[in-house]
N, C-alpha and C. Protein backbone atom coordinates (compact mmCIF):
# COMPACT_ATOMS: atom_id res chain seq x y z
N MET A 1 1.11 -1.15 -0.10
CA MET A 1 0.04 0.03 0.05
C MET A 1 0.93 1.22 -0.07
N LEU A 2 0.50 2.04 -0.83
CA LEU A 2 1.48 3.38 -1.10
C LEU A 2 0.79 4.55 0.26
N PRO A 3 1.74 5.13 0.66
CA PRO A 3 1.55 6.12 1.82
C PRO A 3 0.06 6.86 1.51
N GLU A 4 -0.23 7.14 0.23
CA GLU A 4 -1.04 8.16 -0.26
C GLU A 4 -2.43 7.60 0.01
N GLN A 5 -2.54 5.86 0.21
CA GLN A 5 -3.62 5.21 0.29
C GLN A 5 -4.00 4.90 1.44
N TYR A 6 -3.04 5.43 2.37
CA TYR A 6 -3.55 4.96 3.78
C TYR A 6 -4.39 5.81 4.56
N LYS A 7 -5.14 5.40 5.39
CA LYS A 7 -6.57 6.16 6.08
C LYS A 7 -5.99 7.11 7.12
N ALA A 8 -6.59 8.28 7.22
CA ALA A 8 -6.06 9.16 8.36
C ALA A 8 -6.47 8.43 9.47
N ILE A 9 -5.93 8.93 10.59
CA ILE A 9 -6.29 8.39 12.10
C ILE A 9 -8.14 8.80 12.45
N GLU A 10 -8.31 9.89 11.70
CA GLU A 10 -9.51 10.44 12.10
C GLU A 10 -10.62 9.55 11.94
N SER A 11 -10.39 8.91 10.28
CA SER A 11 -11.26 7.92 9.69
C SER A 11 -11.61 6.84 10.96
N ALA A 12 -11.12 6.55 11.68
CA ALA A 12 -11.24 5.65 12.60
C ALA A 12 -11.70 5.86 14.05
N ILE A 13 -11.76 7.10 14.30
CA ILE A 13 -12.09 7.72 15.53
C ILE A 13 -13.03 8.75 15.70
N ASP A 14 -12.90 9.45 14.66
CA ASP A 14 -14.02 10.64 14.74
C ASP A 14 -15.25 10.46 14.96
N ASP A 15 -15.94 9.60 15.09
CA ASP A 15 -17.21 9.48 15.39
C ASP A 15 -17.53 9.12 16.87
N LEU A 16 -16.34 8.89 17.51
CA LEU A 16 -16.60 8.61 19.11
C LEU A 16 -16.67 9.75 19.68
N PRO A 17 -17.37 9.89 20.95
CA PRO A 17 -17.39 11.39 21.73
C PRO A 17 -16.16 11.87 22.15
N GLU A 18 -16.00 13.10 21.97
CA GLU A 18 -14.47 13.49 22.54
C GLU A 18 -14.14 13.47 23.98
N TYR A 19 -15.11 13.71 24.95
CA TYR A 19 -14.80 13.88 26.27
C TYR A 19 -16.02 13.03 27.09
N THR A 20 -17.01 12.35 26.33
CA THR A 20 -17.70 11.42 27.07
C THR A 20 -17.37 10.02 27.00
N PRO A 21 -16.80 9.35 27.94
CA PRO A 21 -16.62 7.99 28.01
C PRO A 21 -17.66 7.05 27.90
N ILE A 22 -17.66 6.18 27.34
CA ILE A 22 -18.63 4.90 27.06
C ILE A 22 -17.92 3.56 27.49
N PRO A 23 -18.01 2.96 28.81
CA PRO A 23 -17.21 2.09 29.32
C PRO A 23 -17.72 1.06 28.61
N GLU A 24 -18.95 0.75 28.20
CA GLU A 24 -19.29 -0.68 27.63
C GLU A 24 -18.82 -0.89 26.55
N ILE A 25 -18.21 0.12 25.78
CA ILE A 25 -17.58 -0.42 24.41
C ILE A 25 -15.79 0.09 24.78
N ASN A 26 -15.25 0.26 26.11
CA ASN A 26 -14.09 0.45 26.54
C ASN A 26 -13.34 1.83 25.92
N HIS A 27 -14.58 2.75 25.48
CA HIS A 27 -14.23 4.28 25.44
C HIS A 27 -13.64 4.71 26.83
N GLU A 28 -12.50 4.75 26.83
CA GLU A 28 -12.24 5.32 28.59
C GLU A 28 -10.85 5.38 28.35
N TRP A 29 -10.49 6.59 29.03
CA TRP A 29 -8.99 7.11 29.13
C TRP A 29 -8.64 7.47 30.52
N THR A 30 -7.27 7.77 30.81
CA THR A 30 -6.88 8.21 31.79
C THR A 30 -7.45 9.59 32.33
N ARG A 31 -7.93 9.99 33.53
CA ARG A 31 -8.63 11.03 33.60
C ARG A 31 -7.24 12.16 34.00
N HIS A 32 -7.30 13.42 33.27
CA HIS A 32 -6.28 14.28 33.43
C HIS A 32 -6.68 15.39 34.16
N SER A 33 -5.53 15.76 35.09
CA SER A 33 -6.12 17.35 35.68
C SER A 33 -6.00 18.50 34.74
N VAL A 34 -6.20 19.68 34.97
CA VAL A 34 -6.07 20.63 34.23
C VAL A 34 -4.63 20.81 33.80
N GLU A 35 -4.03 20.75 34.95
CA GLU A 35 -2.10 21.02 34.39
C GLU A 35 -1.76 19.99 33.69
N TYR A 36 -2.45 18.71 33.77
CA TYR A 36 -1.86 17.63 32.79
C TYR A 36 -2.28 17.98 31.33
N MET A 37 -3.40 18.58 31.36
CA MET A 37 -3.92 18.82 29.86
C MET A 37 -3.23 20.01 29.34
N GLU A 38 -2.74 21.23 30.08
CA GLU A 38 -1.99 21.87 29.85
C GLU A 38 -0.74 21.50 29.23
N ARG A 39 -0.10 20.62 29.71
CA ARG A 39 1.53 20.12 29.70
C ARG A 39 0.92 19.25 28.24
N LEU A 40 -0.17 18.60 28.12
CA LEU A 40 -0.54 17.92 26.81
C LEU A 40 -0.70 18.87 25.35
N ALA A 41 -1.06 20.15 25.70
CA ALA A 41 -1.59 20.89 24.94
C ALA A 41 -0.12 21.34 24.13
N LEU A 42 1.07 21.24 24.88
CA LEU A 42 2.29 22.05 24.10
C LEU A 42 3.05 20.70 23.43
N VAL A 43 2.62 19.23 23.60
CA VAL A 43 3.13 18.51 22.83
C VAL A 43 2.92 18.49 21.45
N PRO A 44 3.99 18.52 20.43
CA PRO A 44 3.37 18.60 19.07
C PRO A 44 3.37 17.08 18.25
N PRO A 45 2.84 17.14 17.37
CA PRO A 45 2.47 16.18 16.45
C PRO A 45 3.77 15.23 16.54
N GLY A 46 3.66 13.98 16.92
CA GLY A 46 5.00 13.35 16.93
C GLY A 46 6.13 13.38 17.86
N GLY A 47 5.62 14.41 18.88
CA GLY A 47 6.30 14.58 19.92
C GLY A 47 6.12 13.98 21.17
N SER A 48 6.99 13.82 21.99
CA SER A 48 6.62 13.01 23.40
C SER A 48 6.73 13.74 24.53
N LEU A 49 5.34 13.58 25.47
CA LEU A 49 5.30 14.43 26.81
C LEU A 49 6.55 14.18 27.51
N TYR A 50 7.16 13.17 27.51
CA TYR A 50 8.41 12.78 28.40
C TYR A 50 9.93 12.59 27.57
N GLU A 51 10.94 13.29 27.68
CA GLU A 51 12.14 12.65 27.26
C GLU A 51 12.38 11.55 27.39
N SER A 52 12.46 10.85 28.63
CA SER A 52 13.18 9.77 28.89
C SER A 52 12.18 8.65 28.24
N TYR A 53 10.92 8.62 27.96
CA TYR A 53 9.71 7.86 27.71
C TYR A 53 9.46 8.63 25.94
N ALA A 54 10.69 8.46 25.13
CA ALA A 54 10.00 8.96 23.61
C ALA A 54 9.00 8.33 23.03
N ASP A 55 9.19 6.96 23.13
CA ASP A 55 8.37 5.98 22.24
C ASP A 55 6.93 5.89 22.88
N ALA A 56 6.70 6.61 23.97
CA ALA A 56 5.26 6.87 24.80
C ALA A 56 4.80 8.04 25.13
N PHE A 57 3.42 8.05 25.20
CA PHE A 57 2.96 9.62 25.24
C PHE A 57 3.51 10.23 24.52
N LYS A 58 3.12 10.12 22.94
CA LYS A 58 3.37 10.56 21.75
C LYS A 58 2.10 10.88 21.38
N ARG A 59 2.11 12.39 20.61
CA ARG A 59 0.72 13.04 20.04
C ARG A 59 0.78 12.16 18.63
N GLN A 60 -0.29 11.67 18.30
CA GLN A 60 -0.50 11.13 16.89
C GLN A 60 -0.60 12.56 16.16
N TYR A 61 -0.09 12.23 14.67
CA TYR A 61 -0.33 12.99 13.63
C TYR A 61 -1.60 13.23 13.09
N PRO A 62 -2.30 14.26 13.24
CA PRO A 62 -3.78 14.43 12.64
C PRO A 62 -3.62 14.45 11.10
N GLY A 63 -4.45 14.00 10.22
CA GLY A 63 -4.47 13.72 9.02
C GLY A 63 -3.59 12.69 8.47
N LYS A 64 -2.88 11.58 9.35
CA LYS A 64 -2.15 10.69 9.09
C LYS A 64 -2.56 9.51 9.34
N ALA A 65 -1.84 8.50 8.74
CA ALA A 65 -2.03 7.14 9.33
C ALA A 65 -1.61 7.23 10.89
N SER A 66 -2.11 6.20 11.66
CA SER A 66 -1.78 6.18 13.31
C SER A 66 -0.24 5.40 13.35
N MET A 67 0.40 5.98 14.28
CA MET A 67 1.60 5.43 14.79
C MET A 67 1.17 4.17 15.08
N THR A 68 2.25 3.02 15.29
CA THR A 68 2.00 1.77 15.62
C THR A 68 1.38 1.38 17.07
N VAL A 69 0.63 0.90 17.25
CA VAL A 69 -0.17 0.84 18.48
C VAL A 69 0.39 -0.58 19.03
N LYS A 70 1.06 -0.22 20.30
CA LYS A 70 1.85 -1.07 21.06
C LYS A 70 1.60 -1.08 22.74
N GLU A 71 1.69 -1.91 23.27
CA GLU A 71 1.63 -2.24 24.94
C GLU A 71 3.01 -1.09 25.17
N ASN A 72 3.13 -0.41 25.86
CA ASN A 72 4.06 0.55 26.49
C ASN A 72 4.07 0.64 27.91
N HIS A 73 4.00 -0.15 28.81
CA HIS A 73 4.34 -0.16 30.08
C HIS A 73 3.01 0.83 30.66
N GLY A 74 1.92 1.15 30.11
CA GLY A 74 1.10 1.97 30.28
C GLY A 74 0.93 3.11 29.66
N GLY A 75 2.01 3.65 28.87
CA GLY A 75 2.59 4.50 28.20
C GLY A 75 1.39 4.67 26.65
N THR A 76 0.61 5.41 26.59
CA THR A 76 -0.35 5.47 25.45
C THR A 76 0.27 6.68 24.51
N HIS A 77 -0.87 6.46 23.44
CA HIS A 77 -0.35 7.96 22.60
C HIS A 77 -1.41 8.93 22.99
N ILE A 78 -0.99 10.03 22.84
CA ILE A 78 -1.81 11.49 22.82
C ILE A 78 -3.00 11.55 21.68
N HIS A 79 -4.03 11.74 22.02
CA HIS A 79 -4.94 12.10 20.78
C HIS A 79 -4.49 13.11 20.09
N PRO A 80 -4.68 13.14 18.36
CA PRO A 80 -4.22 13.91 17.50
C PRO A 80 -4.47 15.43 17.63
N TYR A 81 -5.46 15.64 18.22
CA TYR A 81 -6.07 17.19 18.30
C TYR A 81 -6.62 17.46 19.68
N LEU A 82 -7.04 16.64 20.49
CA LEU A 82 -7.61 16.75 21.88
C LEU A 82 -6.34 16.56 23.02
N ASN A 83 -6.83 17.46 24.07
CA ASN A 83 -5.45 17.32 25.11
C ASN A 83 -5.64 16.11 26.06
N ARG A 84 -5.76 15.34 25.52
CA ARG A 84 -5.80 13.77 26.39
C ARG A 84 -5.46 12.51 25.54
N VAL A 85 -4.96 11.58 26.18
CA VAL A 85 -4.49 10.24 25.80
C VAL A 85 -5.85 9.88 25.10
N ILE A 86 -5.32 8.77 23.95
CA ILE A 86 -6.42 8.16 23.19
C ILE A 86 -7.04 6.97 23.98
N SER A 87 -8.40 6.80 23.97
CA SER A 87 -8.99 5.70 24.69
C SER A 87 -8.91 4.37 24.21
N ALA A 88 -9.00 3.40 25.12
CA ALA A 88 -8.74 2.12 24.79
C ALA A 88 -9.92 1.87 23.52
N ARG A 89 -10.82 2.44 23.50
CA ARG A 89 -11.40 1.85 22.19
C ARG A 89 -10.97 2.85 20.75
N GLU A 90 -10.42 3.71 21.01
CA GLU A 90 -9.84 4.42 19.92
C GLU A 90 -8.50 3.83 19.31
N MET A 91 -7.61 3.18 21.02
CA MET A 91 -6.60 2.27 20.43
C MET A 91 -6.67 1.19 19.80
N ALA A 92 -8.09 0.39 20.11
CA ALA A 92 -8.47 -0.86 19.23
C ALA A 92 -8.85 -0.54 18.13
N ARG A 93 -9.73 0.36 17.59
CA ARG A 93 -10.00 0.92 16.07
C ARG A 93 -8.68 1.02 15.33
N LEU A 94 -7.63 1.51 15.54
CA LEU A 94 -6.75 1.66 14.89
C LEU A 94 -6.21 0.66 14.30
N PRO A 95 -5.94 -0.68 14.98
CA PRO A 95 -5.08 -1.94 14.34
C PRO A 95 -6.93 -2.70 13.51
N ILE A 96 -8.00 -2.00 13.73
CA ILE A 96 -9.18 -2.50 13.12
C ILE A 96 -9.80 -3.62 13.98
N PHE A 97 -9.96 -3.69 15.51
CA PHE A 97 -10.66 -4.20 16.09
C PHE A 97 -12.18 -3.54 16.05
N PRO A 98 -13.38 -4.73 15.86
CA PRO A 98 -14.31 -4.19 15.97
C PRO A 98 -15.08 -3.81 17.17
N ASP A 99 -15.99 -2.92 17.08
CA ASP A 99 -16.38 -2.23 18.27
C ASP A 99 -17.04 -3.40 19.22
N SER A 100 -17.66 -4.17 18.75
CA SER A 100 -18.24 -5.64 18.98
C SER A 100 -17.26 -6.40 19.88
N PHE A 101 -16.01 -6.25 19.86
CA PHE A 101 -15.14 -6.93 20.53
C PHE A 101 -14.77 -6.06 21.78
N ILE A 102 -15.14 -6.32 22.74
CA ILE A 102 -15.02 -5.94 24.18
C ILE A 102 -13.62 -6.47 24.94
N PHE A 103 -12.94 -5.69 25.30
CA PHE A 103 -11.74 -6.06 26.44
C PHE A 103 -12.31 -6.05 27.63
N GLU A 104 -11.72 -7.28 28.27
CA GLU A 104 -12.30 -7.36 29.77
C GLU A 104 -11.11 -6.61 30.80
N GLY A 105 -11.34 -6.49 31.91
CA GLY A 105 -10.64 -6.02 32.79
C GLY A 105 -10.82 -4.40 32.81
N SER A 106 -9.79 -3.75 33.76
CA SER A 106 -9.39 -2.52 33.82
C SER A 106 -9.36 -1.88 32.66
N MET A 107 -9.27 -0.38 32.32
CA MET A 107 -8.96 0.27 31.14
C MET A 107 -7.51 0.00 30.98
N LYS A 108 -6.57 -0.15 31.87
CA LYS A 108 -5.23 -0.54 31.65
C LYS A 108 -4.66 -1.76 30.96
N LYS A 109 -5.69 -2.87 31.53
CA LYS A 109 -5.70 -4.15 31.25
C LYS A 109 -6.02 -4.09 29.76
N ALA A 110 -7.06 -3.50 29.32
CA ALA A 110 -7.65 -3.46 27.82
C ALA A 110 -6.74 -2.92 26.87
N MET A 111 -5.73 -1.79 27.42
CA MET A 111 -4.89 -1.29 26.62
C MET A 111 -3.72 -2.28 26.41
N TRP A 112 -3.16 -2.66 27.70
CA TRP A 112 -2.32 -3.96 26.95
C TRP A 112 -2.86 -4.96 26.09
N GLN A 113 -3.85 -5.54 26.50
CA GLN A 113 -4.35 -6.21 25.54
C GLN A 113 -4.52 -5.92 23.98
N ILE A 114 -4.51 -4.83 23.87
CA ILE A 114 -4.63 -4.07 22.38
C ILE A 114 -3.36 -4.27 22.21
N GLY A 115 -2.38 -3.62 22.69
CA GLY A 115 -1.13 -3.42 22.31
C GLY A 115 -0.29 -4.36 22.17
N ASN A 116 -0.53 -5.69 22.81
CA ASN A 116 0.27 -6.81 22.51
C ASN A 116 -0.43 -7.50 21.60
N ALA A 117 -1.77 -7.08 21.31
CA ALA A 117 -2.33 -8.35 20.24
C ALA A 117 -1.70 -8.16 18.74
N VAL A 118 -2.01 -9.04 18.02
CA VAL A 118 -1.54 -9.06 16.74
C VAL A 118 -2.92 -8.42 16.05
N PRO A 119 -2.66 -7.42 15.05
CA PRO A 119 -3.73 -6.75 14.52
C PRO A 119 -4.79 -7.75 13.88
N PRO A 120 -6.22 -7.26 13.93
CA PRO A 120 -7.14 -8.61 13.23
C PRO A 120 -6.73 -8.81 11.93
N ARG A 121 -6.64 -7.65 11.06
CA ARG A 121 -6.54 -7.79 9.48
C ARG A 121 -5.37 -8.64 9.07
N LEU A 122 -4.16 -8.66 10.07
CA LEU A 122 -3.17 -8.94 9.72
C LEU A 122 -3.04 -10.57 10.21
N ALA A 123 -3.78 -11.06 11.23
CA ALA A 123 -3.97 -12.50 11.49
C ALA A 123 -4.96 -13.14 10.38
N GLU A 124 -5.95 -12.16 9.69
CA GLU A 124 -6.62 -12.99 8.71
C GLU A 124 -5.99 -12.78 7.63
N CYS A 125 -5.18 -12.18 7.12
CA CYS A 125 -4.06 -12.34 6.13
C CYS A 125 -3.19 -13.43 6.31
N ILE A 126 -2.51 -13.71 7.16
CA ILE A 126 -1.76 -14.95 7.65
C ILE A 126 -2.70 -15.92 7.60
N GLY A 127 -3.93 -16.20 8.13
CA GLY A 127 -4.72 -17.41 8.33
C GLY A 127 -4.84 -17.81 6.63
N LEU A 128 -5.41 -16.82 5.95
CA LEU A 128 -5.53 -16.77 4.41
C LEU A 128 -4.39 -17.59 3.66
N ALA A 129 -3.32 -17.05 4.28
CA ALA A 129 -2.26 -17.53 3.24
C ALA A 129 -2.12 -18.84 3.83
N LEU A 130 -2.21 -19.46 4.90
CA LEU A 130 -1.97 -20.54 5.62
C LEU A 130 -3.14 -21.57 4.93
N ILE A 131 -4.18 -21.24 4.63
CA ILE A 131 -4.93 -21.98 3.99
C ILE A 131 -4.34 -22.37 2.82
N ARG A 132 -3.88 -21.52 2.24
CA ARG A 132 -3.67 -22.00 0.49
C ARG A 132 -2.41 -22.78 0.85
N TYR A 133 -1.33 -22.52 1.88
CA TYR A 133 -0.07 -23.28 2.06
C TYR A 133 -0.34 -24.56 2.26
N LEU A 134 -1.22 -24.77 3.33
CA LEU A 134 -1.66 -26.00 3.99
C LEU A 134 -2.60 -26.76 2.93
N ALA A 135 -3.49 -26.13 2.03
CA ALA A 135 -4.04 -27.09 0.99
C ALA A 135 -3.03 -27.66 -0.15
N ASP A 136 -1.86 -26.65 -0.48
CA ASP A 136 -1.15 -27.22 -1.41
C ASP A 136 -0.22 -28.46 -0.59
N ILE A 137 -0.01 -28.50 0.62
CA ILE A 137 0.70 -29.63 1.11
C ILE A 137 -0.44 -30.53 1.19
N ALA A 138 -1.62 -30.71 1.63
CA ALA A 138 -2.58 -31.93 1.79
C ALA A 138 -2.59 -32.18 0.28
N LEU A 139 -2.68 -31.46 -0.98
CA LEU A 139 -2.77 -31.94 -2.47
C LEU A 139 -1.42 -32.57 -2.86
N ASN A 140 -0.37 -32.37 -2.25
CA ASN A 140 0.69 -32.84 -2.77
C ASN A 140 0.91 -34.17 -2.02
N LYS A 141 0.21 -34.44 -1.00
CA LYS A 141 0.58 -35.52 -0.02
C LYS A 141 -0.61 -36.47 -0.60
N ALA A 142 -1.41 -36.18 -0.74
CA ALA A 142 -2.80 -37.04 -1.62
C ALA A 142 -2.39 -37.43 -2.95
N SER A 143 -1.37 -36.71 -3.87
CA SER A 143 -1.19 -36.91 -4.93
C SER A 143 -0.10 -38.21 -4.82
N GLN A 144 0.61 -37.88 -3.72
CA GLN A 144 1.83 -39.05 -3.82
C GLN A 144 1.40 -40.13 -3.06
N VAL A 145 0.18 -40.12 -2.72
CA VAL A 145 -0.36 -41.50 -2.08
C VAL A 145 -0.90 -42.24 -3.08
N THR A 146 -1.52 -41.31 -4.23
CA THR A 146 -2.30 -41.84 -5.28
C THR A 146 -1.03 -42.45 -6.41
N MET A 147 -0.28 -41.65 -6.38
CA MET A 147 1.04 -42.59 -7.01
C MET A 147 1.47 -43.81 -6.43
N LYS A 148 1.76 -43.96 -5.18
CA LYS A 148 2.13 -44.84 -4.65
C LYS A 148 1.23 -45.99 -4.89
N LEU A 149 -0.08 -45.43 -4.85
CA LEU A 149 -1.08 -47.06 -5.02
C LEU A 149 -1.24 -47.20 -6.40
N ALA A 150 -0.85 -46.39 -7.43
CA ALA A 150 -0.89 -46.82 -8.77
C ALA A 150 0.10 -47.58 -9.37
N PHE A 151 1.26 -47.68 -8.52
CA PHE A 151 2.20 -48.71 -8.77
C PHE A 151 2.36 -49.85 -7.85
């Protein structure tokens, strides 16, 4: 896929309420103090809130594809234009988990599950490739058995 074919992060998360949590679908995030939100406001796209955790608490780029979603010891990404971290549901939508897939446990545990998961679409592609590969193996074994029986 070419970069111009990537979907912008907003296409996955813009229909979720900006500051209204929906716990039933894991649309929850860390509650921030006013001071913390002011600090988040200073983080530029691609920048991190912390120097020592440059790979965590990074602000997503608006209008671009999402940065990689991963488990980062509780460090999540900052919303592309809101001054809060992304919610567990927003995080789940980036690797295309359906909203019907509910993560169990606390919000932090949900984020760990999402960040450690194989993205569903990647798993689907690997599964489809394995089906073809395993079918070829089965056909080859069947043809070898047929050849042995013919002799």
